[in-house]
Amino acid sequence: MIETALLALGLVLIVEGLVYALAPSLVDRMLLALAAMPPEARRLVGMLALVGGLVLVWAAKTLGA
């Protein structure tokens, strides 16, 4: 179980690091766009990301990861 959690955390850090390394100006624009959104819209985006992540984890576990 801990191995899977470490793997997942490592993959998240790789993806986050790639975004900052390859497109730092895009990160700035995304942060400005998020700041302009009302809190309810940010909450909805967060919930959709959460559900999407849960679906991906469920699919990976179902496929034998």
PDB file of N, CA and C in Angstrom:
ATOM      1  N   MET A   1       0.822  -1.200   0.000  1.00  0.00           N
ATOM      2  CA  MET A   1       0.000   0.000   0.000  1.00  0.00           C
ATOM      3  C   MET A   1       0.858   1.252   0.000  1.00  0.00           C
ATOM      4  N   ILE A   2       1.881   1.299   0.854  1.00  0.00           N
ATOM      5  CA  ILE A   2       2.740   2.478   0.915  1.00  0.00           C
ATOM      6  C   ILE A   2       3.496   2.658  -0.400  1.00  0.00           C
ATOM      7  N   GLU A   3       3.832   1.547  -1.062  1.00  0.00           N
ATOM      8  CA  GLU A   3       4.524   1.635  -2.342  1.00  0.00           C
ATOM      9  C   GLU A   3       3.656   2.323  -3.377  1.00  0.00           C
ATOM     10  N   THR A   4       2.370   2.005  -3.393  1.00  0.00           N
ATOM     11  CA  THR A   4       1.444   2.620  -4.335  1.00  0.00           C
ATOM     12  C   THR A   4       1.283   4.105  -4.048  1.00  0.00           C
ATOM     13  N   ALA A   5       1.203   4.461  -2.780  1.00  0.00           N
ATOM     14  CA  ALA A   5       1.074   5.868  -2.415  1.00  0.00           C
ATOM     15  C   ALA A   5       2.327   6.648  -2.818  1.00  0.00           C
ATOM     16  N   LEU A   6       3.501   6.068  -2.592  1.00  0.00           N
ATOM     17  CA  LEU A   6       4.739   6.736  -2.996  1.00  0.00           C
ATOM     18  C   LEU A   6       4.831   6.873  -4.510  1.00  0.00           C
ATOM     19  N   LEU A   7       4.408   5.851  -5.229  1.00  0.00           N
ATOM     20  CA  LEU A   7       4.397   5.912  -6.689  1.00  0.00           C
ATOM     21  C   LEU A   7       3.466   7.018  -7.171  1.00  0.00           C
ATOM     22  N   ALA A   8       2.281   7.089  -6.594  1.00  0.00           N
ATOM     23  CA  ALA A   8       1.321   8.120  -6.994  1.00  0.00           C
ATOM     24  C   ALA A   8       1.869   9.511  -6.696  1.00  0.00           C
ATOM     25  N   LEU A   9       2.449   9.699  -5.522  1.00  0.00           N
ATOM     26  CA  LEU A   9       3.012  10.995  -5.171  1.00  0.00           C
ATOM     27  C   LEU A   9       4.157  11.362  -6.110  1.00  0.00           C
ATOM     28  N   GLY A  10       4.988  10.406  -6.424  1.00  0.00           N
ATOM     29  CA  GLY A  10       6.086  10.649  -7.357  1.00  0.00           C
ATOM     30  C   GLY A  10       5.594  11.063  -8.731  1.00  0.00           C
ATOM     31  N   LEU A  11       4.556  10.403  -9.220  1.00  0.00           N
ATOM     32  CA  LEU A  11       4.000  10.760 -10.530  1.00  0.00           C
ATOM     33  C   LEU A  11       3.403  12.158 -10.516  1.00  0.00           C
ATOM     34  N   VAL A  12       2.726  12.525  -9.441  1.00  0.00           N
ATOM     35  CA  VAL A  12       2.175  13.871  -9.336  1.00  0.00           C
ATOM     36  C   VAL A  12       3.297  14.905  -9.364  1.00  0.00           C
ATOM     37  N   LEU A  13       4.364  14.653  -8.622  1.00  0.00           N
ATOM     38  CA  LEU A  13       5.487  15.592  -8.596  1.00  0.00           C
ATOM     39  C   LEU A  13       6.167  15.704  -9.958  1.00  0.00           C
ATOM     40  N   ILE A  14       6.252  14.602 -10.693  1.00  0.00           N
ATOM     41  CA  ILE A  14       6.824  14.646 -12.040  1.00  0.00           C
ATOM     42  C   ILE A  14       5.975  15.526 -12.952  1.00  0.00           C
ATOM     43  N   VAL A  15       4.681  15.326 -12.942  1.00  0.00           N
ATOM     44  CA  VAL A  15       3.791  16.116 -13.801  1.00  0.00           C
ATOM     45  C   VAL A  15       3.843  17.589 -13.411  1.00  0.00           C
ATOM     46  N   GLU A  16       3.776  17.875 -12.111  1.00  0.00           N
ATOM     47  CA  GLU A  16       3.844  19.267 -11.650  1.00  0.00           C
ATOM     48  C   GLU A  16       5.183  19.891 -12.034  1.00  0.00           C
ATOM     49  N   GLY A  17       6.252  19.161 -11.845  1.00  0.00           N
ATOM     50  CA  GLY A  17       7.572  19.682 -12.186  1.00  0.00           C
ATOM     51  C   GLY A  17       7.721  19.960 -13.666  1.00  0.00           C
ATOM     52  N   LEU A  18       7.153  19.086 -14.505  1.00  0.00           N
ATOM     53  CA  LEU A  18       7.210  19.310 -15.945  1.00  0.00           C
ATOM     54  C   LEU A  18       6.494  20.598 -16.341  1.00  0.00           C
ATOM     55  N   VAL A  19       5.350  20.849 -15.740  1.00  0.00           N
ATOM     56  CA  VAL A  19       4.605  22.063 -16.068  1.00  0.00           C
ATOM     57  C   VAL A  19       5.431  23.294 -15.723  1.00  0.00           C
ATOM     58  N   TYR A  20       6.016  23.326 -14.540  1.00  0.00           N
ATOM     59  CA  TYR A  20       6.817  24.486 -14.135  1.00  0.00           C
ATOM     60  C   TYR A  20       8.100  24.593 -14.948  1.00  0.00           C
ATOM     61  N   ALA A  21       8.697  23.471 -15.324  1.00  0.00           N
ATOM     62  CA  ALA A  21       9.951  23.501 -16.070  1.00  0.00           C
ATOM     63  C   ALA A  21       9.748  23.883 -17.537  1.00  0.00           C
ATOM     64  N   LEU A  22       8.664  23.399 -18.143  1.00  0.00           N
ATOM     65  CA  LEU A  22       8.460  23.611 -19.573  1.00  0.00           C
ATOM     66  C   LEU A  22       7.640  24.846 -19.909  1.00  0.00           C
ATOM     67  N   ALA A  23       6.760  25.277 -19.022  1.00  0.00           N
ATOM     68  CA  ALA A  23       5.872  26.400 -19.347  1.00  0.00           C
ATOM     69  C   ALA A  23       5.585  27.261 -18.124  1.00  0.00           C
ATOM     70  N   PRO A  24       6.589  27.906 -17.561  1.00  0.00           N
ATOM     71  CA  PRO A  24       6.336  28.721 -16.365  1.00  0.00           C
ATOM     72  C   PRO A  24       5.394  29.892 -16.625  1.00  0.00           C
ATOM     73  N   SER A  25       5.421  30.457 -17.824  1.00  0.00           N
ATOM     74  CA  SER A  25       4.511  31.572 -18.122  1.00  0.00           C
ATOM     75  C   SER A  25       3.064  31.088 -18.187  1.00  0.00           C
ATOM     76  N   LEU A  26       2.860  29.852 -18.607  1.00  0.00           N
ATOM     77  CA  LEU A  26       1.512  29.291 -18.622  1.00  0.00           C
ATOM     78  C   LEU A  26       0.977  29.158 -17.199  1.00  0.00           C
ATOM     79  N   VAL A  27       1.843  28.789 -16.272  1.00  0.00           N
ATOM     80  CA  VAL A  27       1.439  28.694 -14.871  1.00  0.00           C
ATOM     81  C   VAL A  27       0.993  30.060 -14.358  1.00  0.00           C
ATOM     82  N   ASP A  28       1.727  31.108 -14.709  1.00  0.00           N
ATOM     83  CA  ASP A  28       1.346  32.458 -14.303  1.00  0.00           C
ATOM     84  C   ASP A  28      -0.034  32.825 -14.844  1.00  0.00           C
ATOM     85  N   ARG A  29      -0.276  32.525 -16.119  1.00  0.00           N
ATOM     86  CA  ARG A  29      -1.589  32.842 -16.718  1.00  0.00           C
ATOM     87  C   ARG A  29      -2.696  32.024 -16.078  1.00  0.00           C
ATOM     88  N   MET A  30      -2.405  30.757 -15.766  1.00  0.00           N
ATOM     89  CA  MET A  30      -3.422  29.916 -15.121  1.00  0.00           C
ATOM     90  C   MET A  30      -3.766  30.450 -13.739  1.00  0.00           C
ATOM     91  N   LEU A  31      -2.750  30.904 -12.985  1.00  0.00           N
ATOM     92  CA  LEU A  31      -3.009  31.448 -11.657  1.00  0.00           C
ATOM     93  C   LEU A  31      -3.833  32.728 -11.732  1.00  0.00           C
ATOM     94  N   LEU A  32      -3.559  33.558 -12.721  1.00  0.00           N
ATOM     95  CA  LEU A  32      -4.354  34.768 -12.904  1.00  0.00           C
ATOM     96  C   LEU A  32      -5.800  34.420 -13.265  1.00  0.00           C
ATOM     97  N   ALA A  33      -5.977  33.431 -14.128  1.00  0.00           N
ATOM     98  CA  ALA A  33      -7.322  33.014 -14.507  1.00  0.00           C
ATOM     99  C   ALA A  33      -8.069  32.437 -13.309  1.00  0.00           C
ATOM    100  N   LEU A  34      -7.377  31.662 -12.484  1.00  0.00           N
ATOM    101  CA  LEU A  34      -8.019  31.107 -11.292  1.00  0.00           C
ATOM    102  C   LEU A  34      -8.400  32.206 -10.310  1.00  0.00           C
ATOM    103  N   ALA A  35      -7.547  33.210 -10.174  1.00  0.00           N
ATOM    104  CA  ALA A  35      -7.840  34.306  -9.254  1.00  0.00           C
ATOM    105  C   ALA A  35      -9.059  35.101  -9.713  1.00  0.00           C
ATOM    106  N   ALA A  36      -9.296  35.124 -11.016  1.00  0.00           N
ATOM    107  CA  ALA A  36     -10.435  35.868 -11.548  1.00  0.00           C
ATOM    108  C   ALA A  36     -11.748  35.088 -11.427  1.00  0.00           C
ATOM    109  N   MET A  37     -11.659  33.792 -11.173  1.00  0.00           N
ATOM    110  CA  MET A  37     -12.868  32.964 -11.071  1.00  0.00           C
ATOM    111  C   MET A  37     -13.506  33.133  -9.696  1.00  0.00           C
ATOM    112  N   PRO A  38     -14.834  33.077  -9.653  1.00  0.00           N
ATOM    113  CA  PRO A  38     -15.486  33.113  -8.340  1.00  0.00           C
ATOM    114  C   PRO A  38     -15.188  31.820  -7.561  1.00  0.00           C
ATOM    115  N   PRO A  39     -15.241  31.891  -6.238  1.00  0.00           N
ATOM    116  CA  PRO A  39     -14.920  30.711  -5.423  1.00  0.00           C
ATOM    117  C   PRO A  39     -15.769  29.485  -5.767  1.00  0.00           C
ATOM    118  N   GLU A  40     -17.026  29.695  -6.116  1.00  0.00           N
ATOM    119  CA  GLU A  40     -17.890  28.550  -6.444  1.00  0.00           C
ATOM    120  C   GLU A  40     -17.374  27.820  -7.677  1.00  0.00           C
ATOM    121  N   ALA A  41     -16.892  28.570  -8.666  1.00  0.00           N
ATOM    122  CA  ALA A  41     -16.373  27.944  -9.883  1.00  0.00           C
ATOM    123  C   ALA A  41     -15.079  27.192  -9.582  1.00  0.00           C
ATOM    124  N   ARG A  42     -14.221  27.768  -8.743  1.00  0.00           N
ATOM    125  CA  ARG A  42     -12.987  27.069  -8.354  1.00  0.00           C
ATOM    126  C   ARG A  42     -13.316  25.795  -7.588  1.00  0.00           C
ATOM    127  N   ARG A  43     -14.326  25.861  -6.742  1.00  0.00           N
ATOM    128  CA  ARG A  43     -14.741  24.674  -5.989  1.00  0.00           C
ATOM    129  C   ARG A  43     -15.244  23.592  -6.946  1.00  0.00           C
ATOM    130  N   LEU A  44     -16.014  23.985  -7.958  1.00  0.00           N
ATOM    131  CA  LEU A  44     -16.524  23.028  -8.935  1.00  0.00           C
ATOM    132  C   LEU A  44     -15.375  22.393  -9.717  1.00  0.00           C
ATOM    133  N   VAL A  45     -14.408  23.201 -10.134  1.00  0.00           N
ATOM    134  CA  VAL A  45     -13.246  22.669 -10.850  1.00  0.00           C
ATOM    135  C   VAL A  45     -12.493  21.680  -9.961  1.00  0.00           C
ATOM    136  N   GLY A  46     -12.326  22.020  -8.688  1.00  0.00           N
ATOM    137  CA  GLY A  46     -11.658  21.120  -7.757  1.00  0.00           C
ATOM    138  C   GLY A  46     -12.400  19.814  -7.579  1.00  0.00           C
ATOM    139  N   MET A  47     -13.708  19.889  -7.457  1.00  0.00           N
ATOM    140  CA  MET A  47     -14.512  18.674  -7.297  1.00  0.00           C
ATOM    141  C   MET A  47     -14.446  17.806  -8.550  1.00  0.00           C
ATOM    142  N   LEU A  48     -14.484  18.433  -9.727  1.00  0.00           N
ATOM    143  CA  LEU A  48     -14.376  17.664 -10.973  1.00  0.00           C
ATOM    144  C   LEU A  48     -13.010  16.989 -11.076  1.00  0.00           C
ATOM    145  N   ALA A  49     -11.948  17.684 -10.660  1.00  0.00           N
ATOM    146  CA  ALA A  49     -10.621  17.084 -10.665  1.00  0.00           C
ATOM    147  C   ALA A  49     -10.557  15.918  -9.677  1.00  0.00           C
ATOM    148  N   LEU A  50     -11.177  16.088  -8.525  1.00  0.00           N
ATOM    149  CA  LEU A  50     -11.214  15.028  -7.520  1.00  0.00           C
ATOM    150  C   LEU A  50     -11.929  13.796  -8.061  1.00  0.00           C
ATOM    151  N   VAL A  51     -13.085  13.989  -8.665  1.00  0.00           N
ATOM    152  CA  VAL A  51     -13.844  12.864  -9.223  1.00  0.00           C
ATOM    153  C   VAL A  51     -13.056  12.211 -10.354  1.00  0.00           C
ATOM    154  N   GLY A  52     -12.440  13.026 -11.211  1.00  0.00           N
ATOM    155  CA  GLY A  52     -11.631  12.467 -12.290  1.00  0.00           C
ATOM    156  C   GLY A  52     -10.473  11.637 -11.754  1.00  0.00           C
ATOM    157  N   GLY A  53      -9.824  12.121 -10.717  1.00  0.00           N
ATOM    158  CA  GLY A  53      -8.738  11.366 -10.096  1.00  0.00           C
ATOM    159  C   GLY A  53      -9.214  10.061  -9.492  1.00  0.00           C
ATOM    160  N   LEU A  54     -10.357  10.113  -8.821  1.00  0.00           N
ATOM    161  CA  LEU A  54     -10.914   8.884  -8.242  1.00  0.00           C
ATOM    162  C   LEU A  54     -11.245   7.860  -9.322  1.00  0.00           C
ATOM    163  N   VAL A  55     -11.791   8.320 -10.433  1.00  0.00           N
ATOM    164  CA  VAL A  55     -12.116   7.414 -11.542  1.00  0.00           C
ATOM    165  C   VAL A  55     -10.838   6.784 -12.098  1.00  0.00           C
ATOM    166  N   LEU A  56      -9.788   7.594 -12.253  1.00  0.00           N
ATOM    167  CA  LEU A  56      -8.526   7.054 -12.762  1.00  0.00           C
ATOM    168  C   LEU A  56      -7.915   6.039 -11.800  1.00  0.00           C
ATOM    169  N   VAL A  57      -7.955   6.322 -10.511  1.00  0.00           N
ATOM    170  CA  VAL A  57      -7.428   5.374  -9.519  1.00  0.00           C
ATOM    171  C   VAL A  57      -8.249   4.099  -9.521  1.00  0.00           C
ATOM    172  N   TRP A  58      -9.560   4.234  -9.570  1.00  0.00           N
ATOM    173  CA  TRP A  58     -10.426   3.051  -9.614  1.00  0.00           C
ATOM    174  C   TRP A  58     -10.138   2.216 -10.863  1.00  0.00           C
ATOM    175  N   ALA A  59     -10.002   2.891 -12.026  1.00  0.00           N
ATOM    176  CA  ALA A  59      -9.723   2.174 -13.268  1.00  0.00           C
ATOM    177  C   ALA A  59      -8.373   1.463 -13.187  1.00  0.00           C
ATOM    178  N   ALA A  60      -7.362   2.124 -12.637  1.00  0.00           N
ATOM    179  CA  ALA A  60      -6.043   1.500 -12.531  1.00  0.00           C
ATOM    180  C   ALA A  60      -6.098   0.272 -11.620  1.00  0.00           C
ATOM    181  N   LYS A  61      -6.809   0.395 -10.495  1.00  0.00           N
ATOM    182  CA  LYS A  61      -6.935  -0.746  -9.571  1.00  0.00           C
ATOM    183  C   LYS A  61      -7.726  -1.883 -10.220  1.00  0.00           C
ATOM    184  N   THR A  62      -8.752  -1.528 -10.971  1.00  0.00           N
ATOM    185  CA  THR A  62      -9.557  -2.550 -11.644  1.00  0.00           C
ATOM    186  C   THR A  62      -8.735  -3.299 -12.697  1.00  0.00           C
ATOM    187  N   LEU A  63      -7.844  -2.576 -13.358  1.00  0.00           N
ATOM    188  CA  LEU A  63      -7.024  -3.189 -14.408  1.00  0.00           C
ATOM    189  C   LEU A  63      -5.816  -3.938 -13.831  1.00  0.00           C
ATOM    190  N   GLY A  64      -5.630  -3.867 -12.521  1.00  0.00           N
ATOM    191  CA  GLY A  64      -4.595  -4.677 -11.897  1.00  0.00           C
ATOM    192  C   GLY A  64      -3.373  -3.932 -11.422  1.00  0.00           C
ATOM    193  N   ALA A  65      -3.437  -2.633 -11.337  1.00  0.00           N
ATOM    194  CA  ALA A  65      -2.261  -1.869 -10.860  1.00  0.00           C
ATOM    195  C   ALA A  65      -2.073  -2.060  -9.378  1.00  0.00           C
TER     196      ALA A  65
END
